[in-house]
Amino acid sequence: MRRRGVTVLLGALLTTLLSIGVLGAPIPYVVLGPGPTVNTLGTSDGREVIQVTGRETSTSAGQLRMTTVGVQPTVKLRAAIVGWLSKDEAVVPRELVYPPGESQEEVEKRNAEDFQNSQSSAETAALVKLGYPVEVVAKEVAADGPAAGALKAGDVVTTVDGAKVTSASRLVELVRGKPAGTALTIGYVRDGAPGTATVTSRESDGRPRIGVVPDQRQPHPFTLKIDLKDIGGPSAGLMFALGIIDKLKPEDLTGGKVIAGTGTIDDEGRVGPIGGIAQKLVGAKKAGAKAFLVPADNCAEAVRNPQPGLPMLKVGSLDEALTALDALRAGAEPARC
């Protein structure tokens, strides 16, 4: 072989080896893809996802599927290129999923905590809709705080200036909604007897406070448990709340259809935005969903990433989600993104 041919061959071989090395090198990105979907009305690993003890439950012909995003945490250039070319995946900077200064284990731990909190809020919001209101109790009253002498530990706080206190977080919102130094009329129930007290808020740590540590309870004659492993984050809250209501009401919320969705939920039933809506839509479509419940704040992104034949229904609260499902069952047109 001539010297020039040998040189070209060696150059090509060296280029190939370098390419392989570059393609196999880790890069500071992660790949997001459609994760598994779970029917909150069904089972997972042989166990009911929503378990009710002490009360009869109903059975639905359809499904309420929560959706997830799969994260590929360690990405090499080759996988990133494949992700960039895929219509179902997204390649994003690693710090968007794993913030600087936090390990993967720390992020996963926080996601697990968020998942537990979402279950608690889903239960609270669902039980309110089922007729079991939240009672906000003064767990502690600071001896040197504004409410000392006016409220006692164990009082059930019912109103602030006439506005209903529907959760512990709502009590905080109502107090902080007016400037420090405001005289607030606090409604309460003590030993079964209603009363009112005037408490003037005081600034502490830059915020108006009344010196009460609130707790909440929600008496109901049965127990609820959500049993689902290996899922993290707060975005299943809406679908858990709907699943609880469906199980405890005789009506079939699904109308026999597969309904998918996503969204955080708080104790007041407000639905909040989530990440990975595009990948969740893909997962829902693959699971056979006939409609997808989209948090109102995610609608613009969802519209940019539609799945053919999958209507996207706009919801900003648990009430709006229930209204959308009612419309689907009646053959009407729910609000869409």
Protein backbone atom coordinates (compact mmCIF):
# COMPACT_ATOMS: atom_id res chain seq x y z
CA MET A 1 0.00 0.00 0.00
CA ARG A 2 1.26 3.42 -0.87
CA ARG A 3 2.31 5.78 1.89
CA ARG A 4 -0.56 8.18 1.11
CA GLY A 5 -3.12 5.37 1.37
CA VAL A 6 -1.69 4.29 4.72
CA THR A 7 -1.89 7.88 5.97
CA VAL A 8 -5.53 8.25 4.91
CA LEU A 9 -6.42 4.93 6.51
CA LEU A 10 -4.71 5.81 9.78
CA GLY A 11 -6.35 9.25 9.77
CA ALA A 12 -9.79 7.73 9.26
CA LEU A 13 -9.17 5.20 12.02
CA LEU A 14 -7.99 7.92 14.41
CA THR A 15 -11.04 10.07 13.58
CA THR A 16 -13.35 7.12 14.22
CA LEU A 17 -11.71 6.36 17.56
CA LEU A 18 -11.94 10.00 18.61
CA SER A 19 -15.58 10.11 17.54
CA ILE A 20 -16.34 7.02 19.57
CA GLY A 21 -14.62 8.57 22.56
CA VAL A 22 -16.50 11.84 22.21
CA LEU A 23 -19.85 10.12 21.65
CA GLY A 24 -19.26 8.01 24.74
CA ALA A 25 -18.29 10.90 27.00
CA PRO A 26 -20.78 12.05 29.69
CA ILE A 27 -22.28 15.50 29.18
CA PRO A 28 -24.11 17.86 31.63
CA TYR A 29 -27.59 17.08 30.33
CA VAL A 30 -30.43 14.70 31.16
CA VAL A 31 -32.95 13.09 28.83
CA LEU A 32 -36.64 13.34 29.71
CA GLY A 33 -39.03 10.78 28.26
CA PRO A 34 -42.52 9.41 28.85
CA GLY A 35 -42.64 7.56 32.17
CA PRO A 36 -45.09 4.91 33.31
CA THR A 37 -48.75 5.76 33.83
CA VAL A 38 -50.72 4.35 36.76
CA ASN A 39 -54.47 3.88 37.09
CA THR A 40 -55.29 5.38 40.49
CA LEU A 41 -58.48 3.29 40.52
CA GLY A 42 -56.56 0.07 39.96
CA THR A 43 -53.67 -1.85 41.42
CA SER A 44 -49.88 -1.63 41.37
CA ASP A 45 -47.65 -4.57 42.30
CA GLY A 46 -50.76 -6.50 43.29
CA ARG A 47 -52.03 -3.84 45.74
CA GLU A 48 -54.83 -1.32 45.36
CA VAL A 49 -53.37 2.12 44.76
CA ILE A 50 -56.11 3.80 46.83
CA GLN A 51 -57.13 1.68 49.81
CA VAL A 52 -60.28 2.40 51.83
CA THR A 53 -61.09 0.65 55.10
CA GLY A 54 -64.38 0.99 56.98
CA ARG A 55 -66.55 2.05 54.07
CA GLU A 56 -67.92 0.42 50.94
CA THR A 57 -66.31 1.58 47.70
CA SER A 58 -67.56 1.68 44.12
CA THR A 59 -66.03 0.20 40.97
CA SER A 60 -65.52 2.18 37.77
CA ALA A 61 -65.61 0.89 34.22
CA GLY A 62 -62.90 3.33 33.13
CA GLN A 63 -59.56 4.51 34.45
CA LEU A 64 -58.01 7.63 35.98
CA ARG A 65 -54.35 7.46 35.01
CA MET A 66 -51.65 9.61 36.60
CA THR A 67 -48.71 10.29 34.30
CA THR A 68 -44.99 10.54 34.97
CA VAL A 69 -41.75 11.61 33.33
CA GLY A 70 -38.80 9.25 33.04
CA VAL A 71 -35.40 10.83 33.69
CA GLN A 72 -32.15 9.46 32.28
CA PRO A 73 -29.73 11.05 34.78
CA THR A 74 -26.40 10.09 33.18
CA VAL A 75 -26.26 11.02 29.51
CA LYS A 76 -23.55 10.54 26.94
CA LEU A 77 -23.40 12.51 23.73
CA ARG A 78 -24.69 9.60 21.68
CA ALA A 79 -27.85 9.35 23.82
CA ALA A 80 -28.29 13.13 23.79
CA ILE A 81 -28.21 13.19 19.99
CA VAL A 82 -30.84 10.45 19.88
CA GLY A 83 -32.94 12.45 22.38
CA TRP A 84 -32.60 15.66 20.37
CA LEU A 85 -33.82 13.85 17.27
CA SER A 86 -36.72 12.15 19.07
CA LYS A 87 -40.20 13.71 19.00
CA ASP A 88 -41.06 12.04 22.31
CA GLU A 89 -38.02 13.04 24.38
CA ALA A 90 -36.40 16.26 25.57
CA VAL A 91 -32.77 16.97 26.39
CA VAL A 92 -32.38 19.61 29.11
CA PRO A 93 -29.47 20.94 31.18
CA ARG A 94 -28.79 18.72 34.16
CA GLU A 95 -29.12 21.58 36.66
CA LEU A 96 -32.83 21.95 35.82
CA VAL A 97 -33.44 18.51 37.37
CA TYR A 98 -30.48 18.23 39.75
CA PRO A 99 -29.70 21.76 41.05
CA PRO A 100 -26.04 22.58 41.72
CA GLY A 101 -25.04 21.65 45.24
CA GLU A 102 -27.62 18.86 45.49
CA SER A 103 -26.81 15.23 44.89
CA GLN A 104 -29.07 12.92 42.94
CA GLU A 105 -29.93 11.18 46.22
CA GLU A 106 -30.95 14.49 47.84
CA VAL A 107 -33.18 15.37 44.88
CA GLU A 108 -34.81 11.95 44.98
CA LYS A 109 -35.42 12.30 48.72
CA ARG A 110 -37.09 15.67 48.21
CA ASN A 111 -39.21 14.23 45.39
CA ALA A 112 -40.32 11.42 47.70
CA GLU A 113 -41.34 13.98 50.34
CA ASP A 114 -43.23 16.01 47.72
CA PHE A 115 -45.03 12.83 46.66
CA GLN A 116 -46.13 12.15 50.23
CA ASN A 117 -47.32 15.75 50.66
CA SER A 118 -49.28 15.52 47.41
CA GLN A 119 -51.09 12.45 48.74
CA SER A 120 -52.00 14.29 51.94
CA SER A 121 -53.34 17.33 50.08
CA ALA A 122 -55.22 15.09 47.63
CA GLU A 123 -56.93 13.36 50.54
CA THR A 124 -57.80 16.67 52.20
CA ALA A 125 -59.24 18.24 49.03
CA ALA A 126 -61.17 15.10 48.08
CA LEU A 127 -62.70 14.64 51.54
CA VAL A 128 -63.86 18.26 51.55
CA LYS A 129 -65.73 17.58 48.29
CA LEU A 130 -67.23 14.48 49.90
CA GLY A 131 -68.62 16.50 52.81
CA TYR A 132 -65.89 16.16 55.44
CA PRO A 133 -64.66 19.71 56.13
CA VAL A 134 -61.30 20.59 57.61
CA GLU A 135 -61.18 21.85 61.18
CA VAL A 136 -58.30 24.21 61.91
CA VAL A 137 -57.21 23.93 65.53
CA ALA A 138 -55.00 26.25 67.56
CA LYS A 139 -52.31 23.74 68.46
CA GLU A 140 -50.30 26.31 70.42
CA VAL A 141 -50.95 29.91 71.45
CA ALA A 142 -47.79 31.86 72.27
CA ALA A 143 -47.91 33.24 75.82
CA ASP A 144 -46.41 36.55 74.64
CA GLY A 145 -48.16 36.62 71.25
CA PRO A 146 -51.06 38.78 70.00
CA ALA A 147 -53.65 36.01 70.55
CA ALA A 148 -52.66 35.33 74.19
CA GLY A 149 -55.74 35.65 76.39
CA ALA A 150 -58.06 35.75 73.38
CA LEU A 151 -57.56 32.23 72.00
CA LYS A 152 -56.63 28.99 73.73
CA ALA A 153 -54.93 25.83 72.60
CA GLY A 154 -57.64 23.51 71.31
CA ASP A 155 -59.88 26.26 69.91
CA VAL A 156 -61.24 25.52 66.44
CA VAL A 157 -60.61 28.65 64.36
CA THR A 158 -63.51 29.13 61.94
CA THR A 159 -63.25 32.64 60.43
CA VAL A 160 -61.01 35.68 60.05
CA ASP A 161 -62.95 38.90 59.46
CA GLY A 162 -65.86 36.80 58.23
CA ALA A 163 -63.84 34.76 55.74
CA LYS A 164 -64.01 31.01 56.31
CA VAL A 165 -60.87 29.23 57.51
CA THR A 166 -60.85 26.07 55.39
CA SER A 167 -57.30 24.90 56.07
CA ALA A 168 -54.26 25.75 58.15
CA SER A 169 -52.64 27.37 55.12
CA ARG A 170 -55.80 29.42 54.53
CA LEU A 171 -55.60 30.80 58.09
CA VAL A 172 -52.04 31.93 57.40
CA GLU A 173 -53.14 33.52 54.09
CA LEU A 174 -55.95 35.46 55.77
CA VAL A 175 -53.69 36.80 58.53
CA ARG A 176 -50.94 37.76 56.08
CA GLY A 177 -53.45 39.30 53.70
CA LYS A 178 -53.68 42.43 55.87
CA PRO A 179 -50.88 44.64 57.22
CA ALA A 180 -49.32 43.98 60.61
CA GLY A 181 -51.17 45.98 63.23
CA THR A 182 -54.61 45.16 61.81
CA ALA A 183 -57.30 44.27 64.35
CA LEU A 184 -58.71 40.95 63.12
CA THR A 185 -62.00 39.44 64.21
CA ILE A 186 -61.33 35.76 64.81
CA GLY A 187 -64.26 33.35 64.96
CA TYR A 188 -63.73 30.17 66.94
CA VAL A 189 -65.44 27.25 68.64
CA ARG A 190 -64.39 26.34 72.19
CA ASP A 191 -65.83 23.29 73.96
CA GLY A 192 -68.65 23.24 71.42
CA ALA A 193 -69.62 26.89 71.91
CA PRO A 194 -68.94 29.51 69.21
CA GLY A 195 -67.27 32.82 70.02
CA THR A 196 -65.30 35.70 68.56
CA ALA A 197 -62.17 37.51 69.63
CA THR A 198 -60.33 40.58 68.40
CA VAL A 199 -56.64 39.94 67.79
CA THR A 200 -54.26 42.59 66.48
CA SER A 201 -51.58 41.08 64.30
CA ARG A 202 -47.94 41.83 64.92
CA GLU A 203 -44.97 41.75 62.58
CA SER A 204 -42.50 38.94 63.18
CA ASP A 205 -39.77 37.88 60.76
CA GLY A 206 -41.14 40.45 58.35
CA ARG A 207 -44.68 39.03 58.26
CA PRO A 208 -47.95 39.66 60.11
CA ARG A 209 -48.61 36.98 62.72
CA ILE A 210 -51.08 36.35 65.56
CA GLY A 211 -48.96 33.97 67.65
CA VAL A 212 -50.93 30.81 66.88
CA VAL A 213 -49.49 27.51 65.63
CA PRO A 214 -52.31 26.00 63.56
CA ASP A 215 -53.00 22.34 63.01
CA GLN A 216 -55.79 20.74 61.06
CA ARG A 217 -57.94 17.66 61.35
CA GLN A 218 -60.62 16.19 59.16
CA PRO A 219 -62.79 13.69 61.03
CA HIS A 220 -64.23 10.91 58.83
CA PRO A 221 -65.49 7.42 59.74
CA PHE A 222 -63.10 5.43 57.56
CA THR A 223 -59.40 5.28 56.72
CA LEU A 224 -57.62 6.10 53.49
CA LYS A 225 -54.20 4.99 52.29
CA ILE A 226 -52.37 5.54 49.02
CA ASP A 227 -49.94 2.72 48.30
CA LEU A 228 -47.64 3.39 45.36
CA LYS A 229 -43.89 2.86 45.21
CA ASP A 230 -41.05 4.31 43.15
CA ILE A 231 -42.84 7.52 42.17
CA GLY A 232 -41.68 10.99 43.17
CA GLY A 233 -42.74 14.61 42.94
CA PRO A 234 -46.03 16.41 43.60
CA SER A 235 -47.68 16.16 40.19
CA ALA A 236 -49.99 13.20 40.92
CA GLY A 237 -52.08 15.17 43.41
CA LEU A 238 -55.00 15.92 41.09
CA MET A 239 -55.38 12.33 39.87
CA PHE A 240 -55.18 10.98 43.44
CA ALA A 241 -57.95 13.38 44.54
CA LEU A 242 -60.17 12.32 41.64
CA GLY A 243 -59.45 8.66 42.37
CA ILE A 244 -60.50 9.05 46.01
CA ILE A 245 -63.75 10.76 45.02
CA ASP A 246 -64.49 8.13 42.37
CA LYS A 247 -63.98 5.30 44.84
CA LEU A 248 -66.16 6.86 47.54
CA LYS A 249 -69.04 8.02 45.34
CA PRO A 250 -71.42 5.68 43.51
CA GLU A 251 -71.07 7.64 40.26
CA ASP A 252 -68.39 6.55 37.79
CA LEU A 253 -66.42 9.74 37.12
CA THR A 254 -64.75 8.17 34.09
CA GLY A 255 -67.88 7.37 32.11
CA GLY A 256 -66.13 4.14 31.17
CA LYS A 257 -63.26 5.98 29.47
CA VAL A 258 -59.53 6.09 30.13
CA ILE A 259 -58.85 9.60 31.45
CA ALA A 260 -55.28 10.70 32.07
CA GLY A 261 -53.97 13.84 33.68
CA THR A 262 -51.48 15.60 35.87
CA GLY A 263 -51.25 18.53 38.26
CA THR A 264 -50.31 19.41 41.80
CA ILE A 265 -53.10 20.04 44.27
CA ASP A 266 -53.25 21.90 47.57
CA ASP A 267 -55.58 21.54 50.54
CA GLU A 268 -57.94 24.11 48.98
CA GLY A 269 -58.27 22.03 45.80
CA ARG A 270 -56.26 24.40 43.61
CA VAL A 271 -54.45 22.68 40.75
CA GLY A 272 -50.91 23.85 40.03
CA PRO A 273 -48.44 23.48 37.13
CA ILE A 274 -45.98 20.66 36.63
CA GLY A 275 -42.96 19.84 34.47
CA GLY A 276 -42.68 17.50 31.52
CA ILE A 277 -46.16 18.03 30.10
CA ALA A 278 -45.04 17.06 26.60
CA GLN A 279 -43.68 13.69 27.76
CA LYS A 280 -46.76 13.05 29.91
CA LEU A 281 -49.03 13.62 26.91
CA VAL A 282 -47.05 11.00 24.99
CA GLY A 283 -47.34 8.54 27.88
CA ALA A 284 -51.10 9.15 28.13
CA LYS A 285 -51.60 8.58 24.42
CA LYS A 286 -49.67 5.30 24.59
CA ALA A 287 -51.84 4.22 27.54
CA GLY A 288 -55.00 4.66 25.49
CA ALA A 289 -56.28 7.83 27.14
CA LYS A 290 -59.31 9.50 25.54
CA ALA A 291 -58.81 12.83 27.30
CA PHE A 292 -56.06 14.55 29.28
CA LEU A 293 -56.56 16.90 32.24
CA VAL A 294 -54.01 19.74 31.92
CA PRO A 295 -53.26 22.32 34.65
CA ALA A 296 -54.32 25.74 33.36
CA ASP A 297 -50.78 27.09 33.71
CA ASN A 298 -49.44 24.29 31.46
CA CYS A 299 -51.95 24.81 28.66
CA ALA A 300 -49.72 26.94 26.42
CA GLU A 301 -46.94 24.33 26.51
CA ALA A 302 -49.43 21.50 26.00
CA VAL A 303 -50.87 23.19 22.91
CA ARG A 304 -47.36 23.32 21.45
CA ASN A 305 -46.97 19.58 21.98
CA PRO A 306 -50.33 18.02 21.05
CA GLN A 307 -50.98 14.32 20.61
CA PRO A 308 -53.38 13.53 17.75
CA GLY A 309 -56.78 12.39 19.00
CA LEU A 310 -56.08 13.33 22.64
CA PRO A 311 -58.25 16.27 23.77
CA MET A 312 -56.55 18.49 26.35
CA LEU A 313 -58.94 19.74 29.03
CA LYS A 314 -58.03 22.88 30.97
CA VAL A 315 -58.39 22.63 34.78
CA GLY A 316 -57.39 25.09 37.47
CA SER A 317 -59.05 23.40 40.41
CA LEU A 318 -60.55 20.13 41.59
CA ASP A 319 -64.01 21.59 40.95
CA GLU A 320 -63.06 22.37 37.34
CA ALA A 321 -61.71 18.85 36.88
CA LEU A 322 -64.96 17.36 38.16
CA THR A 323 -66.94 19.68 35.87
CA ALA A 324 -64.84 18.57 32.89
CA LEU A 325 -65.48 14.91 33.68
CA ASP A 326 -69.21 15.62 34.07
CA ALA A 327 -69.22 17.22 30.62
CA LEU A 328 -67.42 14.25 29.07
CA ARG A 329 -69.95 11.83 30.54
CA ALA A 330 -72.83 13.94 29.24
CA GLY A 331 -71.34 14.21 25.76
CA ALA A 332 -70.87 17.97 26.17
CA GLU A 333 -67.81 20.02 25.31
CA PRO A 334 -65.53 20.72 28.32
CA ALA A 335 -63.20 23.72 28.42
CA ARG A 336 -60.08 22.93 26.41
CA CYS A 337 -56.57 24.33 26.33
